[in-house]
N, C-alpha and C. Protein backbone atom coordinates (compact mmCIF):
# COMPACT_ATOMS: atom_id res chain seq x y z
N MET A 1 -25.13 -36.46 -37.70
CA MET A 1 -25.35 -38.23 -38.12
C MET A 1 -26.64 -38.10 -38.57
N LYS A 2 -26.68 -39.08 -39.51
CA LYS A 2 -27.36 -40.13 -39.70
C LYS A 2 -26.78 -42.16 -39.18
N ILE A 3 -27.95 -42.44 -38.61
CA ILE A 3 -27.36 -43.37 -38.80
C ILE A 3 -28.58 -44.63 -38.69
N ALA A 4 -28.73 -45.83 -39.27
CA ALA A 4 -29.64 -46.60 -39.71
C ALA A 4 -29.40 -48.20 -38.77
N VAL A 5 -30.77 -47.92 -38.57
CA VAL A 5 -30.21 -49.50 -37.85
C VAL A 5 -31.17 -50.49 -38.71
N THR A 6 -31.49 -51.66 -38.35
CA THR A 6 -31.76 -53.22 -39.14
C THR A 6 -33.00 -53.30 -37.30
N SER A 7 -34.39 -53.18 -38.23
CA SER A 7 -35.07 -53.92 -36.53
C SER A 7 -35.88 -54.34 -37.39
N THR A 8 -37.08 -55.32 -36.10
CA THR A 8 -37.78 -56.26 -36.26
C THR A 8 -38.82 -55.09 -35.45
N GLY A 9 -38.91 -54.38 -35.74
CA GLY A 9 -40.20 -53.16 -35.92
C GLY A 9 -40.03 -52.36 -35.57
N PRO A 10 -41.15 -51.06 -35.30
CA PRO A 10 -41.12 -50.06 -35.84
C PRO A 10 -40.92 -48.60 -34.64
N THR A 11 -40.36 -49.46 -33.33
CA THR A 11 -39.86 -48.15 -31.98
C THR A 11 -38.30 -48.60 -31.99
N LEU A 12 -37.91 -47.99 -30.81
CA LEU A 12 -36.22 -47.84 -30.93
C LEU A 12 -36.71 -49.48 -29.03
N ASP A 13 -37.24 -49.28 -29.15
CA ASP A 13 -37.13 -50.79 -28.24
C ASP A 13 -37.68 -52.13 -29.32
N ASP A 14 -38.24 -52.14 -29.93
CA ASP A 14 -38.15 -53.46 -30.96
C ASP A 14 -36.71 -53.99 -30.62
N MET A 15 -36.70 -54.90 -31.27
CA MET A 15 -35.43 -55.36 -31.34
C MET A 15 -33.96 -55.77 -32.59
N VAL A 16 -32.92 -55.40 -32.50
CA VAL A 16 -32.12 -55.04 -33.69
C VAL A 16 -32.58 -56.62 -34.88
N ASN A 17 -32.41 -56.34 -36.11
CA ASN A 17 -32.93 -57.65 -36.50
C ASN A 17 -31.55 -57.55 -37.23
N GLU A 18 -31.59 -59.06 -37.35
CA GLU A 18 -29.42 -60.09 -37.20
C GLU A 18 -29.88 -59.86 -39.11
N ARG A 19 -31.03 -59.51 -39.91
CA ARG A 19 -30.82 -60.12 -41.14
C ARG A 19 -30.75 -58.41 -42.16
N PHE A 20 -29.15 -57.85 -42.30
CA PHE A 20 -30.23 -56.46 -43.13
C PHE A 20 -30.91 -56.36 -44.49
N GLY A 21 -30.54 -56.64 -45.55
CA GLY A 21 -31.37 -56.73 -46.59
C GLY A 21 -33.36 -57.70 -46.42
N ARG A 22 -33.47 -58.26 -45.95
CA ARG A 22 -34.86 -59.19 -45.68
C ARG A 22 -34.99 -58.17 -43.87
N SER A 23 -34.40 -56.60 -43.75
CA SER A 23 -34.83 -56.66 -42.08
C SER A 23 -36.72 -55.98 -42.30
N ALA A 24 -37.02 -56.13 -41.91
CA ALA A 24 -38.67 -55.65 -41.43
C ALA A 24 -38.56 -54.05 -41.67
N TYR A 25 -37.46 -54.23 -40.65
CA TYR A 25 -37.79 -51.96 -40.67
C TYR A 25 -35.89 -51.69 -41.03
N PHE A 26 -36.02 -50.10 -41.08
CA PHE A 26 -34.61 -49.39 -40.52
C PHE A 26 -35.37 -49.00 -39.92
N LEU A 27 -34.77 -48.68 -38.94
CA LEU A 27 -34.76 -47.09 -38.13
C LEU A 27 -33.67 -46.20 -38.83
N ILE A 28 -34.46 -45.28 -39.25
CA ILE A 28 -32.73 -43.60 -39.43
C ILE A 28 -32.86 -42.87 -38.04
N VAL A 29 -32.31 -43.28 -36.81
CA VAL A 29 -31.95 -42.16 -35.63
C VAL A 29 -30.59 -41.67 -36.09
N ASP A 30 -30.86 -40.64 -35.68
CA ASP A 30 -29.97 -39.49 -34.86
C ASP A 30 -29.35 -39.71 -33.69
N PRO A 31 -28.18 -39.73 -33.39
CA PRO A 31 -27.07 -40.49 -32.42
C PRO A 31 -27.68 -40.40 -30.92
N GLU A 32 -27.12 -38.72 -31.20
CA GLU A 32 -27.30 -37.32 -30.60
C GLU A 32 -29.24 -37.39 -29.89
N ASN A 33 -30.25 -37.00 -29.96
CA ASN A 33 -31.53 -37.23 -29.46
C ASN A 33 -32.30 -37.79 -29.56
N LEU A 34 -31.41 -39.19 -30.27
CA LEU A 34 -32.90 -40.38 -30.62
C LEU A 34 -33.63 -40.28 -30.86
N GLU A 35 -33.82 -38.58 -31.45
CA GLU A 35 -35.03 -38.86 -33.21
C GLU A 35 -34.99 -40.02 -33.69
N PHE A 36 -35.99 -40.16 -34.43
CA PHE A 36 -36.00 -41.39 -34.85
C PHE A 36 -37.03 -41.23 -36.39
N GLU A 37 -36.44 -42.04 -37.00
CA GLU A 37 -37.72 -42.00 -38.18
C GLU A 37 -37.61 -43.90 -38.64
N SER A 38 -38.97 -44.81 -38.47
CA SER A 38 -38.96 -45.94 -39.05
C SER A 38 -39.92 -45.47 -40.62
N LEU A 39 -39.18 -46.61 -41.60
CA LEU A 39 -39.08 -46.35 -42.79
C LEU A 39 -39.29 -48.51 -42.63
N GLU A 40 -40.42 -48.82 -43.17
CA GLU A 40 -40.73 -50.72 -43.69
C GLU A 40 -39.45 -50.88 -44.56
N ASN A 41 -39.24 -51.67 -45.21
CA ASN A 41 -38.14 -52.35 -45.83
C ASN A 41 -39.62 -52.59 -47.17
N PRO A 42 -39.24 -51.70 -48.72
CA PRO A 42 -40.18 -52.29 -49.10
C PRO A 42 -39.39 -53.82 -49.84
N ASN A 43 -37.93 -53.76 -50.03
CA ASN A 43 -37.37 -54.42 -50.53
C ASN A 43 -37.65 -56.10 -49.64
N VAL A 44 -37.93 -56.14 -48.81
CA VAL A 44 -38.14 -57.64 -47.67
C VAL A 44 -38.50 -58.89 -48.97
N SER A 45 -39.21 -58.87 -49.17
CA SER A 45 -39.70 -59.88 -50.22
C SER A 45 -39.33 -59.62 -52.01
N LEU A 46 -38.45 -59.11 -52.10
CA LEU A 46 -37.45 -59.58 -53.36
C LEU A 46 -36.89 -60.98 -53.29
N GLY A 47 -36.96 -61.12 -54.74
CA GLY A 47 -36.56 -62.96 -55.09
C GLY A 47 -35.13 -62.21 -54.73
N GLY A 48 -34.15 -61.42 -55.38
CA GLY A 48 -32.74 -61.48 -55.46
C GLY A 48 -32.49 -60.23 -54.81
N GLY A 49 -31.55 -59.70 -54.68
CA GLY A 49 -31.15 -58.11 -54.21
C GLY A 49 -31.83 -57.61 -53.33
N ALA A 50 -32.18 -58.33 -52.79
CA ALA A 50 -32.41 -57.06 -51.55
C ALA A 50 -31.93 -56.15 -50.58
N GLY A 51 -30.28 -56.95 -50.41
CA GLY A 51 -28.88 -56.39 -50.26
C GLY A 51 -28.61 -54.70 -50.34
N PRO A 52 -28.43 -55.25 -52.22
CA PRO A 52 -28.35 -53.83 -52.61
C PRO A 52 -29.23 -52.89 -52.76
N GLU A 53 -30.39 -52.96 -52.95
CA GLU A 53 -31.25 -52.92 -53.34
C GLU A 53 -31.75 -51.77 -51.82
N SER A 54 -31.34 -52.59 -50.32
CA SER A 54 -31.70 -51.80 -49.63
C SER A 54 -30.46 -50.65 -48.59
N ALA A 55 -29.86 -51.15 -49.10
CA ALA A 55 -28.46 -50.66 -49.16
C ALA A 55 -28.43 -49.22 -49.83
N GLN A 56 -28.79 -49.04 -50.52
CA GLN A 56 -29.25 -48.22 -51.87
C GLN A 56 -30.54 -47.28 -51.39
N LEU A 57 -31.23 -47.39 -51.13
CA LEU A 57 -32.34 -46.93 -50.10
C LEU A 57 -31.07 -46.10 -48.93
N MET A 58 -30.10 -46.81 -47.96
CA MET A 58 -29.99 -46.43 -47.18
C MET A 58 -29.34 -45.14 -47.36
N ALA A 59 -28.59 -46.13 -48.56
CA ALA A 59 -27.74 -44.01 -49.43
C ALA A 59 -28.60 -42.91 -49.59
N ASP A 60 -29.35 -42.87 -50.28
CA ASP A 60 -30.61 -42.24 -50.69
C ASP A 60 -31.04 -41.13 -49.08
N LYS A 61 -31.73 -41.49 -48.29
CA LYS A 61 -31.63 -41.34 -47.11
C LYS A 61 -30.38 -40.75 -46.61
N GLY A 62 -30.01 -40.81 -47.15
CA GLY A 62 -28.69 -39.79 -46.53
C GLY A 62 -27.87 -40.07 -44.88
N VAL A 63 -28.01 -41.56 -44.87
CA VAL A 63 -27.38 -42.44 -43.81
C VAL A 63 -25.40 -42.31 -43.60
N SER A 64 -25.13 -42.55 -42.35
CA SER A 64 -23.28 -42.82 -42.59
C SER A 64 -22.74 -43.43 -41.94
N VAL A 65 -24.17 -44.07 -41.10
CA VAL A 65 -23.46 -45.62 -40.58
C VAL A 65 -24.94 -46.63 -40.78
N VAL A 66 -24.60 -47.37 -40.59
CA VAL A 66 -25.76 -48.41 -41.05
C VAL A 66 -25.14 -50.28 -39.55
N LEU A 67 -26.31 -49.89 -38.32
CA LEU A 67 -25.86 -50.99 -37.46
C LEU A 67 -26.98 -52.29 -38.17
N THR A 68 -26.06 -52.94 -38.13
CA THR A 68 -27.47 -54.46 -38.29
C THR A 68 -26.72 -56.14 -37.67
N GLY A 69 -27.22 -56.66 -37.45
CA GLY A 69 -26.55 -57.86 -37.63
C GLY A 69 -25.79 -58.63 -37.95
N ASN A 70 -25.74 -58.67 -39.73
CA ASN A 70 -25.48 -59.03 -41.04
C ASN A 70 -25.34 -58.69 -41.50
N CYS A 71 -24.64 -58.42 -42.88
CA CYS A 71 -24.43 -58.15 -44.64
C CYS A 71 -23.93 -58.66 -45.27
N GLY A 72 -24.94 -59.14 -45.90
CA GLY A 72 -24.70 -59.76 -46.75
C GLY A 72 -23.07 -58.61 -48.35
N PRO A 73 -22.39 -59.55 -48.79
CA PRO A 73 -21.29 -59.13 -49.84
C PRO A 73 -21.89 -58.09 -50.54
N ASN A 74 -22.64 -59.05 -50.81
CA ASN A 74 -23.52 -57.37 -52.33
C ASN A 74 -23.95 -55.99 -51.14
N ALA A 75 -24.32 -56.14 -50.58
CA ALA A 75 -25.06 -54.97 -49.91
C ALA A 75 -23.54 -54.19 -49.30
N VAL A 76 -22.86 -54.97 -48.43
CA VAL A 76 -21.40 -54.32 -48.20
C VAL A 76 -21.05 -53.56 -49.48
N ARG A 77 -20.26 -54.17 -50.62
CA ARG A 77 -20.40 -53.33 -52.14
C ARG A 77 -20.52 -52.03 -52.34
N THR A 78 -21.97 -53.07 -52.38
CA THR A 78 -23.04 -50.97 -52.00
C THR A 78 -22.71 -50.37 -51.36
N PHE A 79 -22.93 -50.56 -49.83
CA PHE A 79 -22.32 -49.47 -49.01
C PHE A 79 -20.88 -48.69 -49.12
N GLY A 80 -20.24 -49.54 -49.48
CA GLY A 80 -18.51 -49.15 -49.69
C GLY A 80 -18.21 -48.18 -50.93
N ALA A 81 -19.53 -48.74 -52.23
CA ALA A 81 -19.29 -48.13 -52.55
C ALA A 81 -19.58 -46.00 -52.71
N ALA A 82 -21.01 -45.77 -51.75
CA ALA A 82 -21.57 -45.36 -51.30
C ALA A 82 -21.39 -44.13 -49.61
N GLY A 83 -20.21 -44.96 -49.67
CA GLY A 83 -19.05 -44.39 -48.29
C GLY A 83 -19.73 -44.36 -47.06
N ILE A 84 -20.43 -45.67 -47.22
CA ILE A 84 -21.50 -45.53 -46.24
C ILE A 84 -20.67 -46.78 -44.58
N GLN A 85 -20.35 -46.54 -43.92
CA GLN A 85 -19.90 -47.65 -42.90
C GLN A 85 -20.64 -48.58 -42.33
N VAL A 86 -20.62 -49.89 -42.54
CA VAL A 86 -21.54 -51.14 -42.25
C VAL A 86 -20.74 -51.57 -40.72
N ILE A 87 -21.37 -51.89 -39.35
CA ILE A 87 -21.34 -51.72 -38.42
C ILE A 87 -22.06 -53.78 -37.99
N THR A 88 -21.65 -54.78 -37.90
CA THR A 88 -22.49 -56.02 -37.99
C THR A 88 -22.16 -56.30 -36.43
N GLY A 89 -23.00 -57.45 -35.78
CA GLY A 89 -23.07 -57.58 -34.69
C GLY A 89 -24.04 -57.26 -33.23
N ALA A 90 -24.23 -56.22 -33.65
CA ALA A 90 -25.53 -55.17 -32.95
C ALA A 90 -26.96 -56.53 -32.78
N SER A 91 -26.76 -56.35 -31.43
CA SER A 91 -28.11 -56.90 -31.41
C SER A 91 -29.04 -56.37 -29.63
N GLY A 92 -29.68 -57.24 -30.03
CA GLY A 92 -30.41 -56.18 -27.73
C GLY A 92 -31.83 -55.31 -28.80
N GLN A 93 -31.94 -54.79 -28.40
CA GLN A 93 -33.12 -53.36 -28.44
C GLN A 93 -31.96 -52.65 -29.30
N VAL A 94 -33.14 -51.43 -30.12
CA VAL A 94 -32.41 -50.75 -31.34
C VAL A 94 -31.65 -49.69 -30.03
N ARG A 95 -32.91 -49.32 -29.11
CA ARG A 95 -32.29 -48.77 -28.78
C ARG A 95 -30.80 -48.40 -27.78
N GLN A 96 -30.54 -49.87 -27.60
CA GLN A 96 -29.46 -50.32 -26.78
C GLN A 96 -28.45 -50.59 -27.66
N ALA A 97 -28.80 -50.19 -28.89
CA ALA A 97 -27.27 -50.47 -30.32
C ALA A 97 -27.19 -49.42 -30.43
N VAL A 98 -27.63 -48.30 -29.89
CA VAL A 98 -27.41 -47.05 -30.68
C VAL A 98 -26.81 -46.10 -29.44
N GLU A 99 -27.14 -46.56 -28.11
CA GLU A 99 -26.53 -46.58 -27.35
C GLU A 99 -24.36 -46.69 -27.19
N GLN A 100 -24.47 -48.15 -28.13
CA GLN A 100 -23.37 -49.14 -27.79
C GLN A 100 -22.93 -48.35 -29.00
N PHE A 101 -22.83 -47.46 -29.50
CA PHE A 101 -22.52 -47.67 -31.02
C PHE A 101 -21.58 -46.02 -30.40
N ASN A 102 -23.05 -45.03 -29.79
CA ASN A 102 -22.69 -43.86 -29.63
C ASN A 102 -21.52 -43.93 -28.56
N ILE A 103 -20.70 -45.32 -27.31
CA ILE A 103 -19.99 -45.39 -26.50
C ILE A 103 -18.65 -46.15 -27.27
N GLY A 104 -18.54 -45.92 -28.57
CA GLY A 104 -17.83 -46.40 -29.02
C GLY A 104 -17.74 -48.62 -28.35
N LYS A 105 -19.29 -48.89 -28.65
CA LYS A 105 -18.98 -50.18 -27.90
C LYS A 105 -19.02 -51.48 -29.60
N LEU A 106 -19.42 -51.07 -30.64
CA LEU A 106 -19.15 -51.76 -32.06
C LEU A 106 -18.70 -51.55 -32.17
N GLY A 107 -18.51 -52.55 -33.20
CA GLY A 107 -16.85 -52.54 -33.83
C GLY A 107 -17.51 -52.06 -35.71
N ASN A 108 -15.70 -51.97 -36.35
CA ASN A 108 -16.25 -52.09 -37.79
C ASN A 108 -16.27 -53.08 -38.21
N ALA A 109 -17.54 -53.51 -39.14
CA ALA A 109 -17.33 -54.35 -40.07
C ALA A 109 -16.39 -54.64 -41.51
N SER A 110 -14.96 -55.48 -41.44
CA SER A 110 -14.76 -54.80 -42.62
C SER A 110 -14.96 -55.71 -43.49
N ALA A 111 -15.95 -56.91 -43.74
CA ALA A 111 -16.18 -57.28 -44.32
C ALA A 111 -17.79 -57.91 -44.16
N SER A 112 -18.39 -58.58 -45.08
CA SER A 112 -19.77 -58.95 -44.33
C SER A 112 -19.62 -59.80 -44.19
N GLY A 113 -20.90 -60.19 -42.44
CA GLY A 113 -20.81 -60.71 -41.53
C GLY A 113 -21.73 -62.13 -42.41
N VAL A 114 -21.42 -62.39 -43.31
CA VAL A 114 -22.38 -63.52 -44.80
C VAL A 114 -21.18 -63.97 -45.26
N GLN A 115 -21.60 -65.38 -45.37
CA GLN A 115 -20.72 -66.02 -46.68
C GLN A 115 -21.27 -65.80 -47.62
N GLY A 116 -22.10 -65.47 -48.11
CA GLY A 116 -23.17 -65.41 -49.29
C GLY A 116 -24.75 -65.25 -49.44
N PRO A 117 -25.09 -65.54 -50.38
CA PRO A 117 -26.28 -65.03 -50.84
C PRO A 117 -27.07 -65.76 -48.79
N SER A 118 -27.85 -64.89 -48.71
CA SER A 118 -28.92 -64.97 -47.46
C SER A 118 -30.84 -64.71 -48.32
N GLY A 119 -30.68 -64.90 -49.46
CA GLY A 119 -32.08 -63.71 -49.37
C GLY A 119 -33.09 -65.70 -49.98
N MET A 120 -34.05 -65.22 -50.27
CA MET A 120 -34.80 -66.05 -50.10
C MET A 120 -34.74 -67.32 -51.42
N GLY A 121 -34.99 -67.93 -50.91
CA GLY A 121 -34.71 -69.04 -52.63
C GLY A 121 -33.41 -69.55 -52.85
N ALA A 122 -32.32 -69.07 -51.91
CA ALA A 122 -30.68 -69.30 -51.78
C ALA A 122 -30.69 -70.95 -51.59
N GLY A 123 -30.36 -71.49 -52.26
CA GLY A 123 -30.31 -73.99 -51.85
C GLY A 123 -29.15 -74.19 -51.57
N PRO A 124 -28.93 -74.84 -51.76
CA PRO A 124 -27.60 -75.47 -51.05
C PRO A 124 -26.51 -74.98 -51.78
N GLY A 125 -26.58 -74.90 -53.27
CA GLY A 125 -25.16 -74.36 -53.50
C GLY A 125 -25.27 -73.07 -53.95
N GLY A 126 -25.76 -72.01 -52.69
CA GLY A 126 -25.73 -70.34 -52.76
C GLY A 126 -26.71 -70.00 -53.29
N GLY A 127 -26.83 -70.63 -55.09
CA GLY A 127 -27.10 -69.91 -55.55
C GLY A 127 -28.81 -69.13 -55.27
N LYS A 128 -29.13 -68.45 -56.49
CA LYS A 128 -31.20 -68.27 -55.72
C LYS A 128 -31.59 -68.14 -57.51
N GLY A 129 -31.52 -69.84 -57.67
CA GLY A 129 -32.21 -70.49 -58.75
C GLY A 129 -32.77 -69.81 -59.68
N MET A 130 -31.52 -68.36 -60.21
CA MET A 130 -32.36 -68.29 -61.53
C MET A 130 -31.92 -67.79 -62.50
N GLY A 131 -30.74 -68.67 -62.27
CA GLY A 131 -29.81 -69.61 -63.81
C GLY A 131 -29.88 -68.60 -64.64
N ARG A 132 -28.23 -68.36 -65.66
CA ARG A 132 -27.63 -67.72 -66.09
C ARG A 132 -27.76 -66.09 -66.21
N GLY A 133 -27.43 -66.18 -64.54
CA GLY A 133 -27.07 -64.83 -63.79
C GLY A 133 -28.49 -63.97 -63.57
N MET A 134 -29.29 -64.45 -64.32
CA MET A 134 -30.63 -63.80 -64.83
C MET A 134 -30.85 -62.77 -63.29
N GLY A 135 -31.00 -61.86 -63.46
CA GLY A 135 -31.49 -60.39 -61.72
C GLY A 135 -29.61 -60.28 -60.63
N ARG A 136 -29.41 -61.07 -61.37
CA ARG A 136 -27.71 -60.64 -60.71
C ARG A 136 -26.88 -59.03 -60.98
N ARG A 137 -27.32 -58.38 -60.35
CA ARG A 137 -26.46 -56.93 -60.65
C ARG A 137 -24.82 -57.54 -60.20
N GLN A 138 -24.11 -56.71 -60.97
CA GLN A 138 -22.54 -56.36 -61.05
C GLN A 138 -22.80 -54.96 -59.74
N PRO A 139 -21.07 -55.79 -58.95
CA PRO A 139 -21.17 -54.27 -58.13
C PRO A 139 -20.21 -53.11 -58.71
N PRO A 140 -21.03 -52.41 -58.31
CA PRO A 140 -20.58 -51.02 -58.93
C PRO A 140 -18.77 -50.39 -59.13
N THR A 141 -17.85 -50.57 -60.33
CA THR A 141 -16.84 -50.48 -60.27
C THR A 141 -16.35 -49.35 -59.64
N LEU A 142 -15.75 -48.66 -59.26
CA LEU A 142 -15.82 -47.01 -58.83
C LEU A 142 -13.86 -47.25 -59.78
N SER A 143 -14.15 -45.04 -60.66
CA SER A 143 -12.66 -44.98 -60.54
C SER A 143 -12.06 -44.70 -60.03
N ARG A 144 -10.78 -44.83 -60.21
CA ARG A 144 -9.80 -43.76 -58.97
C ARG A 144 -10.30 -42.64 -58.18
N LYS A 145 -10.57 -41.60 -59.15
CA LYS A 145 -10.95 -40.72 -58.49
C LYS A 145 -12.58 -40.68 -57.53
N GLU A 146 -13.21 -41.78 -58.08
CA GLU A 146 -14.77 -41.82 -56.88
C GLU A 146 -13.78 -42.63 -56.06
N GLU A 147 -12.87 -43.35 -56.62
CA GLU A 147 -12.50 -44.06 -54.03
C GLU A 147 -11.80 -43.24 -53.84
N VAL A 148 -11.44 -42.80 -54.09
CA VAL A 148 -10.67 -41.16 -53.62
C VAL A 148 -11.23 -40.08 -53.42
N GLU A 149 -12.59 -40.32 -54.27
CA GLU A 149 -13.71 -39.51 -53.85
C GLU A 149 -14.37 -39.78 -52.31
N ARG A 150 -14.44 -41.62 -52.44
CA ARG A 150 -15.26 -42.20 -51.24
C ARG A 150 -14.38 -42.12 -49.82
N LEU A 151 -12.89 -42.58 -50.18
CA LEU A 151 -11.80 -42.53 -48.99
C LEU A 151 -12.40 -41.24 -48.37
N ARG A 152 -12.12 -39.78 -48.82
CA ARG A 152 -11.69 -38.61 -48.14
C ARG A 152 -12.71 -39.00 -47.06
N LYS A 153 -14.64 -39.05 -48.18
CA LYS A 153 -15.62 -38.87 -47.60
C LYS A 153 -15.67 -40.14 -45.62
N GLN A 154 -14.78 -41.04 -45.86
CA GLN A 154 -14.35 -42.01 -45.47
C GLN A 154 -13.73 -41.37 -43.57
N ALA A 155 -12.64 -40.61 -44.20
CA ALA A 155 -12.00 -40.20 -43.35
C ALA A 155 -12.81 -39.21 -42.66
N ASP A 156 -13.05 -37.73 -43.47
CA ASP A 156 -13.93 -36.87 -42.59
C ASP A 156 -14.71 -37.46 -42.23
N GLU A 157 -15.24 -37.99 -41.80
CA GLU A 157 -17.04 -38.64 -41.05
C GLU A 157 -15.73 -38.81 -39.68
N LEU A 158 -14.77 -39.65 -40.49
CA LEU A 158 -13.74 -39.86 -38.86
C LEU A 158 -13.19 -39.26 -37.80
N LYS A 159 -12.41 -38.05 -39.05
CA LYS A 159 -12.83 -37.55 -37.83
C LYS A 159 -13.35 -36.37 -37.63
N ARG A 160 -15.16 -36.27 -38.01
CA ARG A 160 -15.12 -36.12 -37.42
C ARG A 160 -16.74 -36.50 -35.91
N LYS A 161 -15.95 -38.51 -36.23
CA LYS A 161 -16.39 -38.78 -34.91
C LYS A 161 -15.33 -38.11 -33.72
N ILE A 162 -13.99 -38.38 -34.15
CA ILE A 162 -12.86 -38.15 -33.18
C ILE A 162 -12.96 -36.85 -32.75
N ALA A 163 -13.45 -35.24 -33.14
CA ALA A 163 -14.12 -34.72 -32.17
C ALA A 163 -14.47 -34.35 -31.54
N ASP A 164 -15.72 -35.03 -31.60
CA ASP A 164 -16.57 -35.86 -31.12
C ASP A 164 -16.41 -37.09 -29.51
N ILE A 165 -15.91 -37.70 -29.72
CA ILE A 165 -15.71 -38.01 -28.24
C ILE A 165 -14.42 -37.08 -27.63
N GLU A 166 -13.55 -36.73 -28.53
CA GLU A 166 -12.77 -35.39 -28.01
C GLU A 166 -13.11 -34.65 -26.85
N SER A 167 -14.51 -34.19 -27.65
CA SER A 167 -15.85 -32.98 -27.20
C SER A 167 -15.72 -33.63 -25.72
N SER A 168 -16.82 -35.08 -26.04
CA SER A 168 -17.42 -35.99 -24.95
C SER A 168 -15.64 -36.23 -23.84
N ILE A 169 -15.15 -36.78 -23.96
CA ILE A 169 -14.19 -36.58 -22.63
C ILE A 169 -14.14 -35.44 -21.96
N GLU A 170 -13.48 -34.05 -22.31
CA GLU A 170 -13.38 -33.04 -21.97
C GLU A 170 -14.58 -32.65 -21.58
N SER A 171 -15.52 -32.65 -21.91
CA SER A 171 -16.73 -32.41 -20.98
C SER A 171 -17.43 -33.43 -19.30
N LEU A 172 -16.93 -34.60 -19.57
CA LEU A 172 -16.47 -35.64 -18.44
C LEU A 172 -15.49 -35.65 -18.06
N GLU A 173 -14.51 -34.97 -18.23
CA GLU A 173 -13.35 -34.40 -17.52
C GLU A 173 -13.79 -33.03 -16.25
N LYS A 174 -14.57 -32.22 -16.88
CA LYS A 174 -15.17 -31.16 -16.17
C LYS A 174 -15.88 -31.72 -15.20
N GLU A 175 -16.67 -32.65 -14.82
CA GLU A 175 -17.15 -32.51 -14.03
C GLU A 175 -16.83 -33.12 -13.26
């Protein structure tokens, strides 16, 4: 399993970045052994759409779970379409967030952690200032078959997590 953690820097000792789409770095981490790949966010300076673009990047990297402080609604929709679990409310060092995830202390986000666009240029009305809907992408609409497949992938991932937890419990009980 690969998880992505938003980060202020390129190491496990850097802090979790509060914002998903404009995070300076994404650390792609194997939660079992903490091996990781540091990825500088190429979308950090986009005028709009940083969240969905970054979410697509995570899907392209084969990530199953994302840990972050907050995640906007457009990114959440992109993650949902890709079958990626988003966990908001992560904080502290990246290493600590992964450890919290491993022991089940971080919950799953059912909705985005922000109320609207939080990118650069979002004014008091919440708009991006681009007018006439320019630069906005509609979230992908899934067919019934695609939605079933997405849900099956999520169920399979949950089954794997349960098996890992049960294995950990058995190991601890033997000690």
